[in-house]
Amino acid sequence: MKLLVAIDGSEHSAKAVAAAGRLAAATGADVVVVHQRSDSASDHGPAVPSSEGFAEAQSLVDSATAALLVAGAASARGRVVRGLHGEEAKTILDVARDEDVDIIVVGPRGLGRFAGLLVGSVTDRLVQLSDRPVLVVR
């Protein structure tokens, strides 16, 4: 079995990592951690690069990967990917297909502007568009 856990540095994504760790330990699953550095689209030229540095993004992924290994995942590795803001769900699904994962694990919402919503737009889009199970961890 192979899991994908999508992270953004929020408390909710930390809970998703913990749940993925428990599931991986119980099933002997391998885990892929993915974090997107989001560029902003521009109507008047090239996309505006993310303000998040690669080192910062890689640190998030490395921390999650280490936590998964401690929790008992058979293996854990991470990917930092770039994409446009607003297309995070598409990016996560592309990685899920590329990695041929069985389950996607996410938090209900992340660090977006509308953090008060019950289910964030990225999670909602994943649930709607995914061709594989999505586990939403609260």
Protein backbone atom coordinates (compact mmCIF):
# COMPACT_ATOMS: atom_id res chain seq x y z
CA MET A 1 0.00 0.00 0.00
CA LYS A 2 1.16 3.53 -0.72
CA LEU A 3 -0.17 6.73 0.85
CA LEU A 4 0.25 10.35 -0.16
CA VAL A 5 0.00 13.01 2.53
CA ALA A 6 -0.27 16.62 1.38
CA ILE A 7 1.12 19.24 3.76
CA ASP A 8 1.17 23.03 3.99
CA GLY A 9 2.65 23.65 7.45
CA SER A 10 -0.73 24.13 9.14
CA GLU A 11 -1.90 22.41 12.32
CA HIS A 12 -4.37 20.47 10.18
CA SER A 13 -1.64 19.10 7.93
CA ALA A 14 0.31 18.03 11.05
CA LYS A 15 -2.75 16.01 12.08
CA ALA A 16 -2.87 14.49 8.60
CA VAL A 17 0.79 13.46 8.93
CA ALA A 18 0.08 11.84 12.31
CA ALA A 19 -2.92 9.94 10.91
CA ALA A 20 -0.91 8.83 7.85
CA GLY A 21 1.81 7.61 10.22
CA ARG A 22 -0.68 5.51 12.21
CA LEU A 23 -2.21 4.09 9.03
CA ALA A 24 1.21 3.34 7.55
CA ALA A 25 2.37 1.62 10.74
CA ALA A 26 -0.77 -0.54 10.83
CA THR A 27 -0.58 -1.53 7.15
CA GLY A 28 3.14 -1.44 6.36
CA ALA A 29 2.50 1.30 3.82
CA ASP A 30 5.01 3.49 2.08
CA VAL A 31 4.29 7.22 2.29
CA VAL A 32 4.95 10.08 -0.10
CA VAL A 33 4.81 13.59 1.36
CA VAL A 34 4.02 16.43 -1.03
CA HIS A 35 4.18 20.18 -0.49
CA GLN A 36 3.44 22.74 -3.18
CA ARG A 37 5.22 26.07 -3.41
CA SER A 38 2.49 28.17 -4.99
CA ASP A 39 3.27 30.88 -7.51
CA SER A 40 0.65 33.55 -8.18
CA ALA A 41 -0.74 33.93 -11.68
CA SER A 42 -0.37 37.29 -13.39
CA ASP A 43 -2.54 38.78 -16.12
CA HIS A 44 0.35 40.95 -17.31
CA GLY A 45 3.35 38.67 -17.59
CA PRO A 46 4.95 35.63 -16.02
CA ALA A 47 3.74 34.13 -12.76
CA VAL A 48 4.93 35.78 -9.57
CA PRO A 49 7.19 33.31 -7.73
CA SER A 50 6.23 32.00 -4.31
CA SER A 51 7.54 33.97 -1.35
CA GLU A 52 8.28 30.64 0.34
CA GLY A 53 11.88 29.61 -0.20
CA PHE A 54 12.85 26.13 -1.32
CA ALA A 55 14.78 25.52 1.92
CA GLU A 56 11.71 26.39 4.00
CA ALA A 57 9.51 24.10 1.90
CA GLN A 58 12.05 21.26 2.04
CA SER A 59 12.28 21.65 5.82
CA LEU A 60 8.50 21.10 6.11
CA VAL A 61 8.74 17.98 3.96
CA ASP A 62 11.79 16.65 5.83
CA SER A 63 10.08 17.10 9.21
CA ALA A 64 6.96 15.27 8.02
CA THR A 65 9.03 12.47 6.51
CA ALA A 66 10.97 12.00 9.74
CA ALA A 67 7.73 11.91 11.77
CA LEU A 68 6.31 9.24 9.47
CA LEU A 69 9.38 7.05 9.83
CA VAL A 70 9.28 7.39 13.63
CA ALA A 71 5.57 6.46 13.54
CA GLY A 72 6.43 3.21 11.73
CA ALA A 73 5.94 3.84 8.01
CA ALA A 74 7.74 1.23 5.91
CA SER A 75 9.32 4.10 3.99
CA ALA A 76 8.72 7.80 3.62
CA ARG A 77 10.02 10.31 1.13
CA GLY A 78 9.02 13.79 0.16
CA ARG A 79 8.53 16.00 -2.84
CA VAL A 80 8.44 19.77 -3.06
CA VAL A 81 6.61 20.79 -6.21
CA ARG A 82 5.84 24.13 -7.81
CA GLY A 83 2.44 25.13 -9.11
CA LEU A 84 0.06 28.01 -9.43
CA HIS A 85 -1.91 29.25 -6.45
CA GLY A 86 -5.44 27.91 -6.82
CA GLU A 87 -4.29 24.73 -8.55
CA GLU A 88 -3.06 22.88 -5.47
CA ALA A 89 -5.67 20.12 -5.79
CA LYS A 90 -4.63 19.47 -9.40
CA THR A 91 -0.97 19.32 -8.37
CA ILE A 92 -1.70 16.88 -5.53
CA LEU A 93 -3.73 14.67 -7.88
CA ASP A 94 -0.96 14.74 -10.49
CA VAL A 95 1.55 13.55 -7.87
CA ALA A 96 -0.90 10.91 -6.60
CA ARG A 97 -1.26 9.52 -10.12
CA ASP A 98 2.47 9.78 -10.85
CA GLU A 99 3.28 7.91 -7.62
CA ASP A 100 0.33 5.50 -8.06
CA VAL A 101 -0.81 5.96 -4.47
CA ASP A 102 -3.77 4.11 -2.99
CA ILE A 103 -5.00 6.82 -0.60
CA ILE A 104 -4.54 10.59 -0.29
CA VAL A 105 -4.45 11.94 3.27
CA VAL A 106 -5.16 15.64 3.94
CA GLY A 107 -6.39 17.99 6.62
CA PRO A 108 -9.79 19.67 6.30
CA ARG A 109 -8.28 23.07 5.62
CA GLY A 110 -4.91 24.73 5.54
CA LEU A 111 -3.28 28.12 5.68
CA GLY A 112 -5.59 29.81 3.16
CA ARG A 113 -7.39 33.11 3.61
CA PHE A 114 -10.65 31.40 4.54
CA ALA A 115 -9.31 29.21 7.35
CA GLY A 116 -12.65 29.41 9.15
CA LEU A 117 -14.44 27.32 6.55
CA LEU A 118 -15.40 23.80 7.58
CA VAL A 119 -13.67 22.22 4.60
CA GLY A 120 -11.06 24.16 2.65
CA SER A 121 -11.24 24.63 -1.08
CA VAL A 122 -8.22 22.40 -1.79
CA THR A 123 -9.65 19.54 0.26
CA ASP A 124 -13.08 20.02 -1.27
CA ARG A 125 -11.61 19.92 -4.81
CA LEU A 126 -9.59 16.79 -3.98
CA VAL A 127 -12.68 14.98 -2.73
CA GLN A 128 -14.62 16.02 -5.85
CA LEU A 129 -11.94 15.25 -8.45
CA SER A 130 -9.92 12.35 -7.07
CA ASP A 131 -10.04 8.95 -8.73
CA ARG A 132 -8.83 7.37 -5.48
CA PRO A 133 -9.93 7.56 -1.83
CA VAL A 134 -9.24 10.77 0.09
CA LEU A 135 -8.97 10.56 3.88
CA VAL A 136 -9.80 13.92 5.48
CA VAL A 137 -8.34 14.11 8.99
CA ARG A 138 -9.94 16.47 11.51
